[in-house]
């Protein structure tokens, strides 16, 4: 499934939240030489238990991701993570 996210680099910790209908993913890495993108893919893949790839927006904070799995599974996991670590 494709998922649109807004990345917040240089955060204190990895966290996921929903704001204005868009998933916000906070990553500790700075947006320097692709570090935040690599960390986004790695941490989100680990958290969701499924491969994640950036499809669009590699140089933007707003990205489209391809996540393996069904839409209902991915969204339920995102909601659970967001509730665990509200930002």
C-alpha atoms as a PDB file:
ATOM      1  CA  UNK A   1       0.000   0.000   0.000  1.00  0.00           C
ATOM      2  CA  UNK A   2       1.107   3.581  -0.498  1.00  0.00           C
ATOM      3  CA  UNK A   3       1.273   5.846   2.509  1.00  0.00           C
ATOM      4  CA  UNK A   4       1.802   9.592   2.607  1.00  0.00           C
ATOM      5  CA  UNK A   5       3.859  10.887   5.537  1.00  0.00           C
ATOM      6  CA  UNK A   6       5.481  14.086   6.718  1.00  0.00           C
ATOM      7  CA  UNK A   7       8.933  13.531   8.163  1.00  0.00           C
ATOM      8  CA  UNK A   8      10.198  15.532  11.130  1.00  0.00           C
ATOM      9  CA  UNK A   9      13.994  15.122  11.205  1.00  0.00           C
ATOM     10  CA  UNK A  10      16.282  15.876  14.153  1.00  0.00           C
ATOM     11  CA  UNK A  11      13.645  14.792  16.685  1.00  0.00           C
ATOM     12  CA  UNK A  12      14.478  13.679  20.218  1.00  0.00           C
ATOM     13  CA  UNK A  13      13.180  10.163  19.520  1.00  0.00           C
ATOM     14  CA  UNK A  14      11.407   8.040  16.919  1.00  0.00           C
ATOM     15  CA  UNK A  15       7.673   8.647  17.116  1.00  0.00           C
ATOM     16  CA  UNK A  16       4.587   8.540  14.934  1.00  0.00           C
ATOM     17  CA  UNK A  17       1.562  10.810  15.190  1.00  0.00           C
ATOM     18  CA  UNK A  18      -1.431  11.853  13.098  1.00  0.00           C
ATOM     19  CA  UNK A  19      -2.081  15.523  12.449  1.00  0.00           C
ATOM     20  CA  UNK A  20      -4.566  17.042  10.012  1.00  0.00           C
ATOM     21  CA  UNK A  21      -5.077  13.670   8.313  1.00  0.00           C
ATOM     22  CA  UNK A  22      -1.369  13.130   7.623  1.00  0.00           C
ATOM     23  CA  UNK A  23       0.941  10.730   9.431  1.00  0.00           C
ATOM     24  CA  UNK A  24       3.943  12.517  10.957  1.00  0.00           C
ATOM     25  CA  UNK A  25       7.045  10.418  11.528  1.00  0.00           C
ATOM     26  CA  UNK A  26       9.670  11.872  13.864  1.00  0.00           C
ATOM     27  CA  UNK A  27      13.210  10.558  13.323  1.00  0.00           C
ATOM     28  CA  UNK A  28      16.326  11.410  15.359  1.00  0.00           C
ATOM     29  CA  UNK A  29      18.630  11.744  12.331  1.00  0.00           C
ATOM     30  CA  UNK A  30      19.319  15.103  10.731  1.00  0.00           C
ATOM     31  CA  UNK A  31      18.211  15.709   7.151  1.00  0.00           C
ATOM     32  CA  UNK A  32      21.783  15.600   5.899  1.00  0.00           C
ATOM     33  CA  UNK A  33      23.009  13.422   3.021  1.00  0.00           C
ATOM     34  CA  UNK A  34      19.992  11.121   3.207  1.00  0.00           C
ATOM     35  CA  UNK A  35      20.468  10.166   6.857  1.00  0.00           C
ATOM     36  CA  UNK A  36      16.876  10.970   7.832  1.00  0.00           C
ATOM     37  CA  UNK A  37      15.564   8.983   4.840  1.00  0.00           C
ATOM     38  CA  UNK A  38      17.631   5.917   5.738  1.00  0.00           C
ATOM     39  CA  UNK A  39      16.537   6.135   9.350  1.00  0.00           C
ATOM     40  CA  UNK A  40      12.904   6.656   8.332  1.00  0.00           C
ATOM     41  CA  UNK A  41      12.918   3.510   6.186  1.00  0.00           C
ATOM     42  CA  UNK A  42      14.794   1.436   8.777  1.00  0.00           C
ATOM     43  CA  UNK A  43      12.810   2.457  11.843  1.00  0.00           C
ATOM     44  CA  UNK A  44       9.441   2.331  10.120  1.00  0.00           C
ATOM     45  CA  UNK A  45      10.201  -1.082   8.596  1.00  0.00           C
ATOM     46  CA  UNK A  46      11.134  -2.386  12.022  1.00  0.00           C
ATOM     47  CA  UNK A  47       8.102  -0.851  13.715  1.00  0.00           C
ATOM     48  CA  UNK A  48       5.636  -2.152  11.123  1.00  0.00           C
ATOM     49  CA  UNK A  49       7.360  -5.479  10.586  1.00  0.00           C
ATOM     50  CA  UNK A  50       7.226  -4.971   6.817  1.00  0.00           C
ATOM     51  CA  UNK A  51       9.512  -3.585   4.101  1.00  0.00           C
ATOM     52  CA  UNK A  52       9.189   0.162   3.453  1.00  0.00           C
ATOM     53  CA  UNK A  53      10.516   2.117   0.460  1.00  0.00           C
ATOM     54  CA  UNK A  54      10.372   5.795  -0.494  1.00  0.00           C
ATOM     55  CA  UNK A  55       8.442   6.138  -3.759  1.00  0.00           C
ATOM     56  CA  UNK A  56       8.233   9.931  -3.988  1.00  0.00           C
ATOM     57  CA  UNK A  57       9.669  12.910  -2.114  1.00  0.00           C
ATOM     58  CA  UNK A  58      13.214  11.771  -1.338  1.00  0.00           C
ATOM     59  CA  UNK A  59      14.313  15.413  -0.969  1.00  0.00           C
ATOM     60  CA  UNK A  60      11.125  16.683   0.630  1.00  0.00           C
ATOM     61  CA  UNK A  61       9.691  16.363   4.118  1.00  0.00           C
ATOM     62  CA  UNK A  62       6.468  15.112   2.568  1.00  0.00           C
ATOM     63  CA  UNK A  63       6.982  11.609   1.211  1.00  0.00           C
ATOM     64  CA  UNK A  64       5.033   8.799  -0.368  1.00  0.00           C
ATOM     65  CA  UNK A  65       6.067   5.409   0.954  1.00  0.00           C
ATOM     66  CA  UNK A  66       5.373   1.917  -0.341  1.00  0.00           C
ATOM     67  CA  UNK A  67       4.658  -0.397   2.578  1.00  0.00           C
ATOM     68  CA  UNK A  68       4.202  -4.142   2.150  1.00  0.00           C
ATOM     69  CA  UNK A  69       0.982  -5.412   3.656  1.00  0.00           C
ATOM     70  CA  UNK A  70      -2.700  -4.735   3.579  1.00  0.00           C
ATOM     71  CA  UNK A  71      -4.035  -1.265   4.231  1.00  0.00           C
ATOM     72  CA  UNK A  72      -5.961  -2.340   7.329  1.00  0.00           C
ATOM     73  CA  UNK A  73      -2.914  -4.071   8.867  1.00  0.00           C
ATOM     74  CA  UNK A  74      -0.573  -1.141   8.222  1.00  0.00           C
ATOM     75  CA  UNK A  75      -3.015   1.482   9.487  1.00  0.00           C
ATOM     76  CA  UNK A  76      -3.835  -0.500  12.628  1.00  0.00           C
ATOM     77  CA  UNK A  77      -0.123  -0.858  13.412  1.00  0.00           C
ATOM     78  CA  UNK A  78       0.438   2.879  12.832  1.00  0.00           C
ATOM     79  CA  UNK A  79      -2.459   3.746  15.142  1.00  0.00           C
ATOM     80  CA  UNK A  80      -1.109   1.437  17.842  1.00  0.00           C
ATOM     81  CA  UNK A  81       2.378   2.964  17.604  1.00  0.00           C
ATOM     82  CA  UNK A  82       0.941   6.497  17.675  1.00  0.00           C
ATOM     83  CA  UNK A  83      -1.011   5.719  20.841  1.00  0.00           C
ATOM     84  CA  UNK A  84       2.068   4.226  22.524  1.00  0.00           C
ATOM     85  CA  UNK A  85       4.299   7.225  21.933  1.00  0.00           C
ATOM     86  CA  UNK A  86       2.163  10.326  21.665  1.00  0.00           C
ATOM     87  CA  UNK A  87       4.291  13.330  20.792  1.00  0.00           C
END
